[in-house]
C-alpha atoms as a PDB file:
ATOM      1  CA  MET A   1      16.454 154.866 104.126  1.00  0.00           C
ATOM      2  CA  SER A   2      17.635 155.113 107.870  1.00  0.00           C
ATOM      3  CA  GLU A   3      17.140 158.744 109.118  1.00  0.00           C
ATOM      4  CA  PRO A   4      20.321 159.624 111.569  1.00  0.00           C
ATOM      5  CA  PHE A   5      20.612 158.928 114.611  1.00  0.00           C
ATOM      6  CA  PRO A   6      20.920 162.008 117.343  1.00  0.00           C
ATOM      7  CA  SER A   7      24.319 162.907 118.700  1.00  0.00           C
ATOM      8  CA  TYR A   8      24.626 162.234 122.111  1.00  0.00           C
ATOM      9  CA  GLY A   9      27.444 163.564 124.678  1.00  0.00           C
ATOM     10  CA  ASP A  10      27.517 166.884 125.949  1.00  0.00           C
ATOM     11  CA  ASN A  11      29.236 169.154 123.756  1.00  0.00           C
ATOM     12  CA  ALA A  12      28.115 168.408 120.464  1.00  0.00           C
ATOM     13  CA  ARG A  13      30.275 169.868 117.404  1.00  0.00           C
ATOM     14  CA  SER A  14      28.631 170.896 113.802  1.00  0.00           C
ATOM     15  CA  PHE A  15      29.625 168.351 111.494  1.00  0.00           C
ATOM     16  CA  GLN A  16      28.769 167.881 107.324  1.00  0.00           C
ATOM     17  CA  GLU A  17      26.661 164.887 107.241  1.00  0.00           C
ATOM     18  CA  HIS A  18      27.131 162.656 103.721  1.00  0.00           C
ATOM     19  CA  ARG A  19      25.452 160.039 102.464  1.00  0.00           C
ATOM     20  CA  ILE A  20      27.910 157.950 100.785  1.00  0.00           C
ATOM     21  CA  GLU A  21      27.200 155.203  98.091  1.00  0.00           C
ATOM     22  CA  HIS A  22      29.122 151.926  98.688  1.00  0.00           C
ATOM     23  CA  GLY A  23      27.772 148.327  97.466  1.00  0.00           C
ATOM     24  CA  GLN A  24      24.355 147.635  98.812  1.00  0.00           C
ATOM     25  CA  GLY A  25      23.289 150.520 100.192  1.00  0.00           C
ATOM     26  CA  LYS A  26      24.472 154.374 101.345  1.00  0.00           C
ATOM     27  CA  LEU A  27      26.997 154.966 104.456  1.00  0.00           C
ATOM     28  CA  TYR A  28      25.926 158.009 106.671  1.00  0.00           C
ATOM     29  CA  VAL A  29      28.872 159.831 107.693  1.00  0.00           C
ATOM     30  CA  ARG A  30      29.647 162.716 109.952  1.00  0.00           C
ATOM     31  CA  ASP A  31      32.671 164.888 108.682  1.00  0.00           C
ATOM     32  CA  TYR A  32      34.061 166.898 111.801  1.00  0.00           C
ATOM     33  CA  PRO A  33      35.984 170.337 109.937  1.00  0.00           C
ATOM     34  CA  GLY A  34      39.879 170.333 110.948  1.00  0.00           C
ATOM     35  CA  ALA A  35      43.447 170.059 109.766  1.00  0.00           C
ATOM     36  CA  GLY A  36      45.008 166.545 109.105  1.00  0.00           C
ATOM     37  CA  PRO A  37      45.181 163.631 109.031  1.00  0.00           C
ATOM     38  CA  ALA A  38      41.829 162.913 109.663  1.00  0.00           C
ATOM     39  CA  PHE A  39      40.873 160.366 112.279  1.00  0.00           C
ATOM     40  CA  VAL A  40      38.791 157.996 110.730  1.00  0.00           C
ATOM     41  CA  MET A  41      36.556 156.047 113.607  1.00  0.00           C
ATOM     42  CA  MET A  42      35.205 152.734 113.576  1.00  0.00           C
ATOM     43  CA  HIS A  43      32.756 151.237 115.880  1.00  0.00           C
ATOM     44  CA  GLY A  44      31.670 147.945 116.826  1.00  0.00           C
ATOM     45  CA  PHE A  45      29.132 145.452 116.905  1.00  0.00           C
ATOM     46  CA  PRO A  46      26.640 146.422 118.594  1.00  0.00           C
ATOM     47  CA  ASP A  47      26.666 149.922 118.493  1.00  0.00           C
ATOM     48  CA  ASN A  48      27.360 152.926 116.331  1.00  0.00           C
ATOM     49  CA  LEU A  49      29.260 156.415 115.539  1.00  0.00           C
ATOM     50  CA  GLY A  50      27.647 157.656 118.310  1.00  0.00           C
ATOM     51  CA  ILE A  51      30.208 156.274 120.383  1.00  0.00           C
ATOM     52  CA  TYR A  52      32.448 158.537 119.519  1.00  0.00           C
ATOM     53  CA  ASP A  53      30.561 161.586 120.693  1.00  0.00           C
ATOM     54  CA  PHE A  54      32.780 162.353 124.170  1.00  0.00           C
ATOM     55  CA  LEU A  55      35.598 161.874 122.538  1.00  0.00           C
ATOM     56  CA  VAL A  56      35.210 163.420 119.041  1.00  0.00           C
ATOM     57  CA  PRO A  57      34.920 167.296 120.697  1.00  0.00           C
ATOM     58  CA  HIS A  58      38.370 167.228 122.440  1.00  0.00           C
ATOM     59  CA  LEU A  59      39.898 166.739 119.390  1.00  0.00           C
ATOM     60  CA  VAL A  60      37.739 169.157 116.991  1.00  0.00           C
ATOM     61  CA  ASP A  61      38.497 171.863 119.654  1.00  0.00           C
ATOM     62  CA  ALA A  62      41.975 171.177 118.865  1.00  0.00           C
ATOM     63  CA  GLY A  63      41.709 171.950 115.458  1.00  0.00           C
ATOM     64  CA  ARG A  64      41.925 168.412 113.948  1.00  0.00           C
ATOM     65  CA  ARG A  65      39.581 166.947 111.654  1.00  0.00           C
ATOM     66  CA  VAL A  66      37.489 163.483 112.361  1.00  0.00           C
ATOM     67  CA  VAL A  67      35.340 161.293 110.361  1.00  0.00           C
ATOM     68  CA  THR A  68      32.659 159.079 112.038  1.00  0.00           C
ATOM     69  CA  PHE A  69      30.726 156.932 110.013  1.00  0.00           C
ATOM     70  CA  ASP A  70      27.993 154.192 110.680  1.00  0.00           C
ATOM     71  CA  PHE A  71      29.177 150.261 108.896  1.00  0.00           C
ATOM     72  CA  LEU A  72      26.465 149.281 106.006  1.00  0.00           C
ATOM     73  CA  GLY A  73      23.440 147.753 108.384  1.00  0.00           C
ATOM     74  CA  PHE A  74      24.082 149.755 111.615  1.00  0.00           C
ATOM     75  CA  GLY A  75      22.944 153.382 112.957  1.00  0.00           C
ATOM     76  CA  ALA A  76      21.896 155.513 110.120  1.00  0.00           C
ATOM     77  CA  SER A  77      23.394 153.993 107.531  1.00  0.00           C
ATOM     78  CA  ASP A  78      21.051 152.196 104.690  1.00  0.00           C
ATOM     79  CA  LYS A  79      19.718 148.537 106.448  1.00  0.00           C
ATOM     80  CA  PRO A  80      18.509 147.321 102.852  1.00  0.00           C
ATOM     81  CA  GLU A  81      16.593 144.083 102.727  1.00  0.00           C
ATOM     82  CA  GLY A  82      18.481 141.227 101.943  1.00  0.00           C
ATOM     83  CA  ALA A  83      22.151 142.588 102.173  1.00  0.00           C
ATOM     84  CA  LYS A  84      24.793 140.537 102.812  1.00  0.00           C
ATOM     85  CA  TYR A  85      27.257 141.702 105.773  1.00  0.00           C
ATOM     86  CA  SER A  86      30.869 140.844 106.691  1.00  0.00           C
ATOM     87  CA  PHE A  87      33.725 142.162 107.248  1.00  0.00           C
ATOM     88  CA  ALA A  88      35.963 142.454 104.146  1.00  0.00           C
ATOM     89  CA  GLN A  89      32.556 144.435 103.177  1.00  0.00           C
ATOM     90  CA  GLN A  90      33.204 147.044 106.085  1.00  0.00           C
ATOM     91  CA  GLN A  91      36.698 147.353 105.075  1.00  0.00           C
ATOM     92  CA  GLY A  92      35.686 148.140 102.029  1.00  0.00           C
ATOM     93  CA  ASP A  93      33.691 150.887 103.815  1.00  0.00           C
ATOM     94  CA  LEU A  94      36.368 152.688 105.085  1.00  0.00           C
ATOM     95  CA  LYS A  95      37.993 152.351 101.792  1.00  0.00           C
ATOM     96  CA  ARG A  96      34.721 153.778 100.421  1.00  0.00           C
ATOM     97  CA  VAL A  97      34.721 156.916 102.768  1.00  0.00           C
ATOM     98  CA  VAL A  98      38.360 157.475 102.586  1.00  0.00           C
ATOM     99  CA  GLU A  99      38.592 157.899  98.624  1.00  0.00           C
ATOM    100  CA  ALA A 100      34.715 159.676  99.217  1.00  0.00           C
ATOM    101  CA  LEU A 101      35.962 162.150 101.006  1.00  0.00           C
ATOM    102  CA  LYS A 102      39.544 162.535  99.717  1.00  0.00           C
ATOM    103  CA  LEU A 103      40.832 161.935 103.113  1.00  0.00           C
ATOM    104  CA  GLY A 104      45.083 161.184 101.980  1.00  0.00           C
ATOM    105  CA  LYS A 105      46.384 159.752 104.915  1.00  0.00           C
ATOM    106  CA  ILE A 106      44.292 159.029 107.826  1.00  0.00           C
ATOM    107  CA  VAL A 107      44.726 157.735 111.123  1.00  0.00           C
ATOM    108  CA  PRO A 108      42.339 155.009 111.517  1.00  0.00           C
ATOM    109  CA  VAL A 109      40.815 154.662 115.139  1.00  0.00           C
ATOM    110  CA  VAL A 110      39.634 151.638 116.195  1.00  0.00           C
ATOM    111  CA  HIS A 111      37.295 150.100 118.552  1.00  0.00           C
ATOM    112  CA  ASP A 112      35.714 146.492 119.339  1.00  0.00           C
ATOM    113  CA  SER A 113      34.893 144.404 116.482  1.00  0.00           C
ATOM    114  CA  GLY A 114      35.944 147.722 114.087  1.00  0.00           C
ATOM    115  CA  GLY A 115      39.455 145.786 115.192  1.00  0.00           C
ATOM    116  CA  PHE A 116      39.173 143.789 111.951  1.00  0.00           C
ATOM    117  CA  PRO A 117      38.243 145.680 109.289  1.00  0.00           C
ATOM    118  CA  GLY A 118      40.651 148.638 110.418  1.00  0.00           C
ATOM    119  CA  LEU A 119      43.862 147.006 111.300  1.00  0.00           C
ATOM    120  CA  ASN A 120      43.316 145.012 107.646  1.00  0.00           C
ATOM    121  CA  PHE A 121      43.223 148.535 105.959  1.00  0.00           C
ATOM    122  CA  ALA A 122      46.330 149.466 108.118  1.00  0.00           C
ATOM    123  CA  ILE A 123      48.052 146.296 107.014  1.00  0.00           C
ATOM    124  CA  ASP A 124      46.513 146.538 102.882  1.00  0.00           C
ATOM    125  CA  GLN A 125      47.340 150.216 102.533  1.00  0.00           C
ATOM    126  CA  PRO A 126      50.317 151.179 104.896  1.00  0.00           C
ATOM    127  CA  ASP A 127      50.971 154.032 102.832  1.00  0.00           C
ATOM    128  CA  ASP A 128      47.243 155.426 103.220  1.00  0.00           C
ATOM    129  CA  VAL A 129      47.870 155.557 107.244  1.00  0.00           C
ATOM    130  CA  ALA A 130      49.661 158.625 109.073  1.00  0.00           C
ATOM    131  CA  GLU A 131      49.465 157.095 112.494  1.00  0.00           C
ATOM    132  CA  LEU A 132      47.178 153.893 113.765  1.00  0.00           C
ATOM    133  CA  VAL A 133      44.906 154.728 117.240  1.00  0.00           C
ATOM    134  CA  ILE A 134      43.431 150.911 118.994  1.00  0.00           C
ATOM    135  CA  LEU A 135      40.922 151.157 121.996  1.00  0.00           C
ATOM    136  CA  ASN A 136      40.004 148.140 123.715  1.00  0.00           C
ATOM    137  CA  CYS A 137      39.347 146.147 120.204  1.00  0.00           C
ATOM    138  CA  VAL A 138      40.018 142.370 119.016  1.00  0.00           C
ATOM    139  CA  TYR A 139      41.506 141.343 115.551  1.00  0.00           C
ATOM    140  CA  HIS A 140      43.665 137.999 116.484  1.00  0.00           C
ATOM    141  CA  ALA A 141      43.506 134.754 118.751  1.00  0.00           C
ATOM    142  CA  VAL A 142      44.722 136.582 122.375  1.00  0.00           C
ATOM    143  CA  PRO A 143      44.703 133.344 125.168  1.00  0.00           C
ATOM    144  CA  ASP A 144      43.260 135.555 127.862  1.00  0.00           C
ATOM    145  CA  ASP A 145      40.201 137.232 125.226  1.00  0.00           C
ATOM    146  CA  ARG A 146      36.806 136.193 126.322  1.00  0.00           C
ATOM    147  CA  LEU A 147      34.154 137.178 124.270  1.00  0.00           C
ATOM    148  CA  PRO A 148      30.851 139.000 125.817  1.00  0.00           C
ATOM    149  CA  GLU A 149      28.230 136.725 126.523  1.00  0.00           C
ATOM    150  CA  LEU A 150      25.603 138.357 123.714  1.00  0.00           C
ATOM    151  CA  ILE A 151      28.544 138.146 121.022  1.00  0.00           C
ATOM    152  CA  GLU A 152      29.294 134.427 122.167  1.00  0.00           C
ATOM    153  CA  VAL A 153      25.883 132.925 121.797  1.00  0.00           C
ATOM    154  CA  PHE A 154      25.626 134.521 117.890  1.00  0.00           C
ATOM    155  CA  ALA A 155      29.407 133.422 117.362  1.00  0.00           C
ATOM    156  CA  THR A 156      29.280 129.872 118.444  1.00  0.00           C
ATOM    157  CA  VAL A 157      27.913 127.139 115.519  1.00  0.00           C
ATOM    158  CA  ASN A 158      26.243 125.121 117.791  1.00  0.00           C
ATOM    159  CA  LEU A 159      24.145 128.014 119.599  1.00  0.00           C
ATOM    160  CA  ARG A 160      23.048 129.088 116.076  1.00  0.00           C
ATOM    161  CA  GLU A 161      19.324 128.161 116.356  1.00  0.00           C
ATOM    162  CA  VAL A 162      19.236 129.191 120.106  1.00  0.00           C
ATOM    163  CA  ALA A 163      20.492 132.127 118.843  1.00  0.00           C
ATOM    164  CA  MET A 164      18.257 132.676 116.024  1.00  0.00           C
ATOM    165  CA  MET A 165      15.671 131.684 118.542  1.00  0.00           C
ATOM    166  CA  ILE A 166      16.689 135.068 120.687  1.00  0.00           C
ATOM    167  CA  ALA A 167      16.931 137.374 117.340  1.00  0.00           C
ATOM    168  CA  GLN A 168      13.990 136.552 116.816  1.00  0.00           C
ATOM    169  CA  ASN A 169      11.461 137.422 120.119  1.00  0.00           C
ATOM    170  CA  PRO A 170      12.199 141.185 121.012  1.00  0.00           C
ATOM    171  CA  GLU A 171      11.545 139.769 124.725  1.00  0.00           C
ATOM    172  CA  PHE A 172      14.375 137.102 124.922  1.00  0.00           C
ATOM    173  CA  MET A 173      16.976 139.542 122.796  1.00  0.00           C
ATOM    174  CA  GLY A 174      16.106 142.663 125.512  1.00  0.00           C
ATOM    175  CA  SER A 175      16.679 139.951 128.288  1.00  0.00           C
ATOM    176  CA  LEU A 176      20.183 138.890 127.070  1.00  0.00           C
ATOM    177  CA  LEU A 177      20.676 142.731 126.398  1.00  0.00           C
ATOM    178  CA  ASN A 178      20.365 144.052 129.683  1.00  0.00           C
ATOM    179  CA  LEU A 179      21.811 140.743 131.206  1.00  0.00           C
ATOM    180  CA  GLN A 180      25.188 142.003 129.012  1.00  0.00           C
ATOM    181  CA  ARG A 181      24.534 145.471 130.169  1.00  0.00           C
ATOM    182  CA  SER A 182      24.616 144.569 133.852  1.00  0.00           C
ATOM    183  CA  LEU A 183      27.971 142.592 133.307  1.00  0.00           C
ATOM    184  CA  PHE A 184      29.363 145.314 131.519  1.00  0.00           C
ATOM    185  CA  GLN A 185      28.087 147.914 134.491  1.00  0.00           C
ATOM    186  CA  ALA A 186      29.791 145.856 137.328  1.00  0.00           C
ATOM    187  CA  ALA A 187      33.471 146.245 136.044  1.00  0.00           C
ATOM    188  CA  LEU A 188      33.133 150.227 135.746  1.00  0.00           C
ATOM    189  CA  PRO A 189      34.172 152.817 138.449  1.00  0.00           C
ATOM    190  CA  GLU A 190      31.153 154.292 140.000  1.00  0.00           C
ATOM    191  CA  ARG A 191      31.914 157.600 138.205  1.00  0.00           C
ATOM    192  CA  HIS A 192      31.208 155.869 134.688  1.00  0.00           C
ATOM    193  CA  VAL A 193      27.599 153.568 135.476  1.00  0.00           C
ATOM    194  CA  LYS A 194      25.720 156.841 134.738  1.00  0.00           C
ATOM    195  CA  THR A 195      26.904 157.433 131.840  1.00  0.00           C
ATOM    196  CA  TYR A 196      26.541 153.865 130.459  1.00  0.00           C
ATOM    197  CA  VAL A 197      23.099 153.760 132.353  1.00  0.00           C
ATOM    198  CA  ASP A 198      21.873 157.152 130.411  1.00  0.00           C
ATOM    199  CA  PHE A 199      23.786 157.026 127.023  1.00  0.00           C
ATOM    200  CA  LEU A 200      25.106 154.167 126.195  1.00  0.00           C
ATOM    201  CA  GLY A 201      22.070 151.702 127.136  1.00  0.00           C
ATOM    202  CA  PRO A 202      19.693 153.502 124.989  1.00  0.00           C
ATOM    203  CA  LEU A 203      21.966 153.947 122.363  1.00  0.00           C
ATOM    204  CA  ILE A 204      21.971 149.821 121.746  1.00  0.00           C
ATOM    205  CA  ASP A 205      18.889 149.934 122.436  1.00  0.00           C
ATOM    206  CA  ALA A 206      17.583 151.832 119.853  1.00  0.00           C
ATOM    207  CA  ASN A 207      20.421 150.276 117.546  1.00  0.00           C
ATOM    208  CA  PHE A 208      18.769 147.137 117.447  1.00  0.00           C
ATOM    209  CA  GLY A 209      14.940 148.418 118.591  1.00  0.00           C
ATOM    210  CA  LEU A 210      14.434 151.416 116.065  1.00  0.00           C
ATOM    211  CA  PRO A 211      13.549 149.939 112.545  1.00  0.00           C
ATOM    212  CA  PRO A 212      15.003 148.953 110.459  1.00  0.00           C
ATOM    213  CA  SER A 213      16.991 147.229 112.748  1.00  0.00           C
ATOM    214  CA  SER A 214      20.546 146.352 113.027  1.00  0.00           C
ATOM    215  CA  GLY A 215      20.029 142.840 113.716  1.00  0.00           C
ATOM    216  CA  PRO A 216      20.608 141.126 110.796  1.00  0.00           C
ATOM    217  CA  ALA A 217      24.140 142.762 110.257  1.00  0.00           C
ATOM    218  CA  PHE A 218      25.054 141.773 113.783  1.00  0.00           C
ATOM    219  CA  VAL A 219      23.578 138.600 113.322  1.00  0.00           C
ATOM    220  CA  GLN A 220      25.518 137.453 110.037  1.00  0.00           C
ATOM    221  CA  MET A 221      28.705 139.363 111.574  1.00  0.00           C
ATOM    222  CA  THR A 222      28.732 137.821 114.756  1.00  0.00           C
ATOM    223  CA  ALA A 223      28.390 134.439 112.855  1.00  0.00           C
ATOM    224  CA  GLY A 224      31.543 134.678 110.812  1.00  0.00           C
ATOM    225  CA  PHE A 225      33.506 136.307 113.770  1.00  0.00           C
ATOM    226  CA  TYR A 226      35.475 133.196 114.967  1.00  0.00           C
ATOM    227  CA  ASP A 227      36.621 132.147 111.309  1.00  0.00           C
ATOM    228  CA  VAL A 228      37.925 135.445 110.668  1.00  0.00           C
ATOM    229  CA  LEU A 229      39.748 135.771 113.743  1.00  0.00           C
ATOM    230  CA  ALA A 230      41.525 132.652 113.068  1.00  0.00           C
ATOM    231  CA  GLU A 231      41.968 134.228 109.321  1.00  0.00           C
ATOM    232  CA  ASN A 232      43.599 137.181 111.268  1.00  0.00           C
ATOM    233  CA  THR A 233      45.629 135.553 113.814  1.00  0.00           C
ATOM    234  CA  LYS A 234      47.273 133.987 110.486  1.00  0.00           C
ATOM    235  CA  ARG A 235      48.052 137.647 109.412  1.00  0.00           C
ATOM    236  CA  LEU A 236      49.636 138.166 112.415  1.00  0.00           C
ATOM    237  CA  PRO A 237      53.130 138.601 111.160  1.00  0.00           C
ATOM    238  CA  LEU A 238      52.007 141.538 108.457  1.00  0.00           C
ATOM    239  CA  LEU A 239      50.475 143.526 111.749  1.00  0.00           C
ATOM    240  CA  ASN A 240      53.963 142.985 112.969  1.00  0.00           C
ATOM    241  CA  LYS A 241      55.453 144.692 110.022  1.00  0.00           C
ATOM    242  CA  LEU A 242      53.852 147.634 109.829  1.00  0.00           C
ATOM    243  CA  GLU A 243      55.726 150.819 111.185  1.00  0.00           C
ATOM    244  CA  VAL A 244      53.305 153.142 111.423  1.00  0.00           C
ATOM    245  CA  PRO A 245      52.932 155.154 114.644  1.00  0.00           C
ATOM    246  CA  THR A 246      50.337 153.550 116.958  1.00  0.00           C
ATOM    247  CA  LYS A 247      48.660 154.121 120.106  1.00  0.00           C
ATOM    248  CA  VAL A 248      46.942 151.356 122.248  1.00  0.00           C
ATOM    249  CA  ILE A 249      45.216 153.431 124.731  1.00  0.00           C
ATOM    250  CA  TRP A 250      42.593 150.956 126.900  1.00  0.00           C
ATOM    251  CA  GLY A 251      40.470 150.674 129.131  1.00  0.00           C
ATOM    252  CA  GLU A 252      41.634 148.523 132.054  1.00  0.00           C
ATOM    253  CA  ARG A 253      38.125 147.878 133.650  1.00  0.00           C
ATOM    254  CA  ASP A 254      37.202 145.905 130.646  1.00  0.00           C
ATOM    255  CA  PRO A 255      36.155 142.377 131.884  1.00  0.00           C
ATOM    256  CA  TYR A 256      36.454 140.957 128.464  1.00  0.00           C
ATOM    257  CA  LEU A 257      39.717 142.251 126.097  1.00  0.00           C
ATOM    258  CA  THR A 258      41.384 142.762 129.119  1.00  0.00           C
ATOM    259  CA  THR A 259      44.969 144.418 129.477  1.00  0.00           C
ATOM    260  CA  ALA A 260      46.414 140.888 128.938  1.00  0.00           C
ATOM    261  CA  THR A 261      45.424 141.880 124.974  1.00  0.00           C
ATOM    262  CA  ALA A 262      46.326 145.754 125.343  1.00  0.00           C
ATOM    263  CA  LYS A 263      49.873 144.389 126.093  1.00  0.00           C
ATOM    264  CA  ASP A 264      49.404 141.646 123.365  1.00  0.00           C
ATOM    265  CA  PHE A 265      48.818 143.980 120.860  1.00  0.00           C
ATOM    266  CA  HIS A 266      52.004 146.468 122.379  1.00  0.00           C
ATOM    267  CA  GLY A 267      53.932 143.607 121.741  1.00  0.00           C
ATOM    268  CA  ASN A 268      53.017 142.864 118.419  1.00  0.00           C
ATOM    269  CA  LEU A 269      53.166 146.278 116.705  1.00  0.00           C
ATOM    270  CA  GLN A 270      57.359 147.698 116.246  1.00  0.00           C
ATOM    271  CA  ASN A 271      56.270 151.739 116.805  1.00  0.00           C
ATOM    272  CA  SER A 272      53.818 151.283 119.416  1.00  0.00           C
ATOM    273  CA  THR A 273      53.236 152.850 122.925  1.00  0.00           C
ATOM    274  CA  LEU A 274      50.611 151.479 125.376  1.00  0.00           C
ATOM    275  CA  HIS A 275      48.360 153.567 127.187  1.00  0.00           C
ATOM    276  CA  LEU A 276      46.499 151.992 130.157  1.00  0.00           C
ATOM    277  CA  ILE A 277      43.107 154.233 131.879  1.00  0.00           C
ATOM    278  CA  ASP A 278      40.867 153.844 134.595  1.00  0.00           C
ATOM    279  CA  ALA A 279      38.269 152.547 132.715  1.00  0.00           C
ATOM    280  CA  GLY A 280      35.506 150.011 131.122  1.00  0.00           C
ATOM    281  CA  HIS A 281      35.162 148.511 127.576  1.00  0.00           C
ATOM    282  CA  TRP A 282      34.033 151.898 126.023  1.00  0.00           C
ATOM    283  CA  VAL A 283      37.160 154.077 127.079  1.00  0.00           C
ATOM    284  CA  GLN A 284      35.886 156.755 124.692  1.00  0.00           C
ATOM    285  CA  ILE A 285      33.133 157.279 126.620  1.00  0.00           C
ATOM    286  CA  ASP A 286      34.310 157.311 130.082  1.00  0.00           C
ATOM    287  CA  GLU A 287      37.301 159.249 129.576  1.00  0.00           C
ATOM    288  CA  GLY A 288      36.963 161.196 126.617  1.00  0.00           C
ATOM    289  CA  LYS A 289      39.223 163.740 127.475  1.00  0.00           C
ATOM    290  CA  LYS A 290      41.762 161.797 128.827  1.00  0.00           C
ATOM    291  CA  VAL A 291      41.741 159.155 125.137  1.00  0.00           C
ATOM    292  CA  ALA A 292      42.094 162.719 123.184  1.00  0.00           C
ATOM    293  CA  GLU A 293      45.016 163.883 124.721  1.00  0.00           C
ATOM    294  CA  ILE A 294      47.082 160.790 124.704  1.00  0.00           C
ATOM    295  CA  MET A 295      46.056 160.716 120.976  1.00  0.00           C
ATOM    296  CA  LEU A 296      46.761 164.002 120.314  1.00  0.00           C
ATOM    297  CA  SER A 297      50.459 164.198 122.026  1.00  0.00           C
END
């Protein structure tokens, strides 16, 4: 069983920990008390629930209930040997958390690849969604999108052998992570670089480096990326039909998921507002207070 990762950020708040059984293992969940509907937050490929530690305090201090959790195979959730990981499994993880905590209607908050399970949950169970918050995430094919190099290597079929060699060699994997980190940092405003170096880099390193590693889940999820992207693109008409109020909050310094992606989401959601912030891909870390103010408005 994985031990909980520490809280990061300057303003940790009290929460109740849960380990919720789902399929192949137990999900690690943090439940911050407050009024509903609960914000239920989903992380992406290389990280874990810690990416919300700079956002959560502002929401909790405003009296709102917040739930963060690690998908199976990531962070402090179980990483069983031989487990099979998929975005369908992640959507099931989300559903299980909602059911186990009896949350009722929720506000899914999606980031990065968390857009796959989170937005499909909203499409498949719209009656269980009060609102929707989209933060620099991916769901369907957008012409101007490009994948971070780390993801591209593992998602491209023709590079599969290279990816496996990298995954099995800590030195190679570390070098690729460092390259990716430098490319994300280069796009950031200077005021956000220190937080990236002091907080996000160590969080991602721990996700891969602390045993048991999130590497197996990462490799399997990225290998299925393009197939699921194509499937979701076909589901775009269903996303168009969603009537729930949606806030698209976007770090406009993201070098991969650009503001064109944000505008595409805004154009495809009939009841959405668009909010661009001078921040990077992890907008909830760079500008947690601003993101919270928009979410609470």
